[in-house]
C-alpha atoms as a PDB file:
ATOM      1  CA  MET A   1       0.249   0.076  -0.061  1.00  0.00           C
ATOM      2  CA  VAL A   2       1.149   3.351  -0.883  1.00  0.00           C
ATOM      3  CA  VAL A   3       0.235   6.312   1.181  1.00  0.00           C
ATOM      4  CA  LYS A   4       0.670   9.799  -0.211  1.00  0.00           C
ATOM      5  CA  ILE A   5      -0.002  13.211   0.920  1.00  0.00           C
ATOM      6  CA  LEU A   6      -1.632  15.002  -2.227  1.00  0.00           C
ATOM      7  CA  GLU A   7      -2.473  18.205  -0.495  1.00  0.00           C
ATOM      8  CA  GLU A   8       0.261  21.145  -0.869  1.00  0.00           C
ATOM      9  CA  SER A   9       0.145  21.624   3.026  1.00  0.00           C
ATOM     10  CA  PHE A  10      -0.538  19.247   5.755  1.00  0.00           C
ATOM     11  CA  SER A  11      -3.853  19.402   7.447  1.00  0.00           C
ATOM     12  CA  GLU A  12      -4.085  18.746  11.207  1.00  0.00           C
ATOM     13  CA  THR A  13      -5.701  15.352  10.449  1.00  0.00           C
ATOM     14  CA  ASP A  14      -2.606  14.422   8.423  1.00  0.00           C
ATOM     15  CA  GLU A  15       0.023  15.616  11.149  1.00  0.00           C
ATOM     16  CA  LYS A  16      -2.081  13.648  13.796  1.00  0.00           C
ATOM     17  CA  MET A  17      -1.908  10.726  11.544  1.00  0.00           C
ATOM     18  CA  LEU A  18       1.960  11.237  11.217  1.00  0.00           C
ATOM     19  CA  LEU A  19       2.296  11.373  14.813  1.00  0.00           C
ATOM     20  CA  LEU A  20       0.598   8.083  15.422  1.00  0.00           C
ATOM     21  CA  ALA A  21       2.973   6.673  12.702  1.00  0.00           C
ATOM     22  CA  ILE A  22       5.908   8.037  14.777  1.00  0.00           C
ATOM     23  CA  LEU A  23       4.376   6.608  18.267  1.00  0.00           C
ATOM     24  CA  GLY A  24       3.734   3.316  16.197  1.00  0.00           C
ATOM     25  CA  ASN A  25       7.421   3.017  14.733  1.00  0.00           C
ATOM     26  CA  LEU A  26       8.818   3.646  17.975  1.00  0.00           C
ATOM     27  CA  GLU A  27       6.942   1.358  19.662  1.00  0.00           C
ATOM     28  CA  ALA A  28       7.580  -1.197  17.430  1.00  0.00           C
ATOM     29  CA  VAL A  29      11.476  -0.320  17.406  1.00  0.00           C
ATOM     30  CA  GLN A  30      11.720  -0.709  21.419  1.00  0.00           C
ATOM     31  CA  LYS A  31       9.581  -4.186  21.265  1.00  0.00           C
ATOM     32  CA  GLY A  32      11.598  -5.658  18.792  1.00  0.00           C
ATOM     33  CA  VAL A  33       9.123  -5.809  16.266  1.00  0.00           C
ATOM     34  CA  ILE A  34      11.054  -3.696  13.595  1.00  0.00           C
ATOM     35  CA  THR A  35      14.580  -2.739  13.642  1.00  0.00           C
ATOM     36  CA  ILE A  36      15.949   0.847  13.638  1.00  0.00           C
ATOM     37  CA  ASP A  37      17.000   0.548  10.351  1.00  0.00           C
ATOM     38  CA  GLU A  38      13.420  -0.237   9.070  1.00  0.00           C
ATOM     39  CA  ALA A  39      11.995   2.703  11.211  1.00  0.00           C
ATOM     40  CA  GLU A  40      14.641   4.750   9.495  1.00  0.00           C
ATOM     41  CA  LYS A  41      12.846   3.651   6.068  1.00  0.00           C
ATOM     42  CA  PHE A  42       9.614   4.426   7.105  1.00  0.00           C
ATOM     43  CA  ILE A  43      10.038   7.779   8.930  1.00  0.00           C
ATOM     44  CA  PHE A  44      12.820   8.381  10.388  1.00  0.00           C
ATOM     45  CA  SER A  45      15.512   9.942   7.842  1.00  0.00           C
ATOM     46  CA  PRO A  46      16.836  13.194   6.351  1.00  0.00           C
ATOM     47  CA  TYR A  47      14.625  12.607   3.356  1.00  0.00           C
ATOM     48  CA  ILE A  48      11.309  12.634   5.293  1.00  0.00           C
ATOM     49  CA  ALA A  49      12.292  15.689   7.383  1.00  0.00           C
ATOM     50  CA  ARG A  50      13.201  17.529   4.217  1.00  0.00           C
ATOM     51  CA  LYS A  51       9.660  16.432   2.577  1.00  0.00           C
ATOM     52  CA  LEU A  52       7.914  17.395   5.647  1.00  0.00           C
ATOM     53  CA  THR A  53       9.338  20.748   5.903  1.00  0.00           C
ATOM     54  CA  ILE A  54       8.417  21.458   2.013  1.00  0.00           C
ATOM     55  CA  LYS A  55       5.128  20.752   2.776  1.00  0.00           C
ATOM     56  CA  GLY A  56       4.811  22.831   5.810  1.00  0.00           C
ATOM     57  CA  CYS A  57       4.265  20.224   8.265  1.00  0.00           C
ATOM     58  CA  ASN A  58       4.458  21.316  12.293  1.00  0.00           C
ATOM     59  CA  LYS A  59       7.936  21.962  13.232  1.00  0.00           C
ATOM     60  CA  GLN A  60       7.991  20.057  16.563  1.00  0.00           C
ATOM     61  CA  ILE A  61       6.737  16.887  14.106  1.00  0.00           C
ATOM     62  CA  ILE A  62      10.068  17.750  11.582  1.00  0.00           C
ATOM     63  CA  LYS A  63      12.085  18.128  15.119  1.00  0.00           C
ATOM     64  CA  LEU A  64      10.923  14.551  16.171  1.00  0.00           C
ATOM     65  CA  VAL A  65      11.579  13.059  12.964  1.00  0.00           C
ATOM     66  CA  LYS A  66      14.936  13.977  13.145  1.00  0.00           C
ATOM     67  CA  LYS A  67      15.551  13.169  16.911  1.00  0.00           C
ATOM     68  CA  GLY A  68      14.396   9.765  15.463  1.00  0.00           C
ATOM     69  CA  CYS A  69      17.061   9.977  12.993  1.00  0.00           C
ATOM     70  CA  GLU A  70      19.652   9.765  15.404  1.00  0.00           C
ATOM     71  CA  LEU A  71      18.399   6.221  17.151  1.00  0.00           C
ATOM     72  CA  GLU A  72      20.859   4.534  15.310  1.00  0.00           C
ATOM     73  CA  ASP A  73      23.867   6.428  16.907  1.00  0.00           C
ATOM     74  CA  ILE A  74      22.469   6.384  20.122  1.00  0.00           C
ATOM     75  CA  ASN A  75      21.949   2.332  20.019  1.00  0.00           C
ATOM     76  CA  SER A  76      25.616   2.035  18.704  1.00  0.00           C
ATOM     77  CA  LEU A  77      27.220   4.528  20.829  1.00  0.00           C
ATOM     78  CA  ILE A  78      25.356   4.170  24.114  1.00  0.00           C
ATOM     79  CA  PRO A  79      22.860   1.080  23.429  1.00  0.00           C
ATOM     80  CA  GLU A  80      22.273   1.353  27.540  1.00  0.00           C
ATOM     81  CA  LYS A  81      20.331   4.728  26.766  1.00  0.00           C
ATOM     82  CA  ILE A  82      18.256   3.563  23.756  1.00  0.00           C
ATOM     83  CA  ASN A  83      14.920   2.428  26.045  1.00  0.00           C
ATOM     84  CA  GLN A  84      15.461   5.609  27.665  1.00  0.00           C
ATOM     85  CA  VAL A  85      15.608   7.488  24.627  1.00  0.00           C
ATOM     86  CA  LEU A  86      12.629   5.740  23.166  1.00  0.00           C
ATOM     87  CA  ASP A  87      10.428   6.438  26.024  1.00  0.00           C
ATOM     88  CA  GLU A  88      11.514  10.085  26.031  1.00  0.00           C
ATOM     89  CA  LEU A  89      10.413  10.204  22.186  1.00  0.00           C
ATOM     90  CA  LYS A  90       7.026   8.470  22.848  1.00  0.00           C
ATOM     91  CA  LYS A  91       6.177  11.098  25.558  1.00  0.00           C
ATOM     92  CA  GLU A  92       7.256  14.174  23.499  1.00  0.00           C
ATOM     93  CA  THR A  93       5.024  12.350  20.826  1.00  0.00           C
ATOM     94  CA  LEU A  94       1.960  11.998  23.038  1.00  0.00           C
ATOM     95  CA  ASN A  95       2.254  15.454  24.224  1.00  0.00           C
ATOM     96  CA  LEU A  96       2.052  16.578  20.876  1.00  0.00           C
ATOM     97  CA  ILE A  97      -0.962  14.249  19.964  1.00  0.00           C
ATOM     98  CA  ASP A  98      -2.686  15.463  23.086  1.00  0.00           C
ATOM     99  CA  ASN A  99      -2.471  19.387  21.286  1.00  0.00           C
ATOM    100  CA  TYR A 100      -4.857  18.147  18.352  1.00  0.00           C
ATOM    101  CA  LYS A 101      -8.335  18.245  18.105  1.00  0.00           C
ATOM    102  CA  THR A 102     -10.423  14.969  18.391  1.00  0.00           C
ATOM    103  CA  PHE A 103     -10.752  13.523  14.962  1.00  0.00           C
ATOM    104  CA  ASP A 104     -14.715  12.911  14.266  1.00  0.00           C
ATOM    105  CA  SER A 105     -15.046  12.282  10.752  1.00  0.00           C
ATOM    106  CA  SER A 106     -16.007   9.020   9.542  1.00  0.00           C
ATOM    107  CA  PHE A 107     -12.715   7.818   7.785  1.00  0.00           C
ATOM    108  CA  TRP A 108      -9.163   9.393   7.419  1.00  0.00           C
ATOM    109  CA  ILE A 109      -8.883   7.858   3.964  1.00  0.00           C
ATOM    110  CA  GLU A 110     -11.187   9.078   1.214  1.00  0.00           C
ATOM    111  CA  THR A 111     -12.352   6.808  -1.308  1.00  0.00           C
ATOM    112  CA  MET A 112     -12.489   7.796  -5.014  1.00  0.00           C
END
């Protein structure tokens, strides 16, 4: 499945979905379900950060993505800190999610 953001800029719903994806990636890495390398391919890469910047995404979300780009370095240099860093990133993500309105539409994906 390919998900593309077609709008010129991010809506609040897009940003909230992105935050949920970030949270899911962080949890999956912490539980060992995916590797940090895989999470980098999904979301934690400079490429994704650049694309989000171009689309006008919330700067705090871009900052989270950039912090996620550092996970491999943290894991290889100070592996005893990786769970603490993942917990901090998850907490930061949850705090950002809390700033968004409750999603009350029927579905977040529109059909054509």
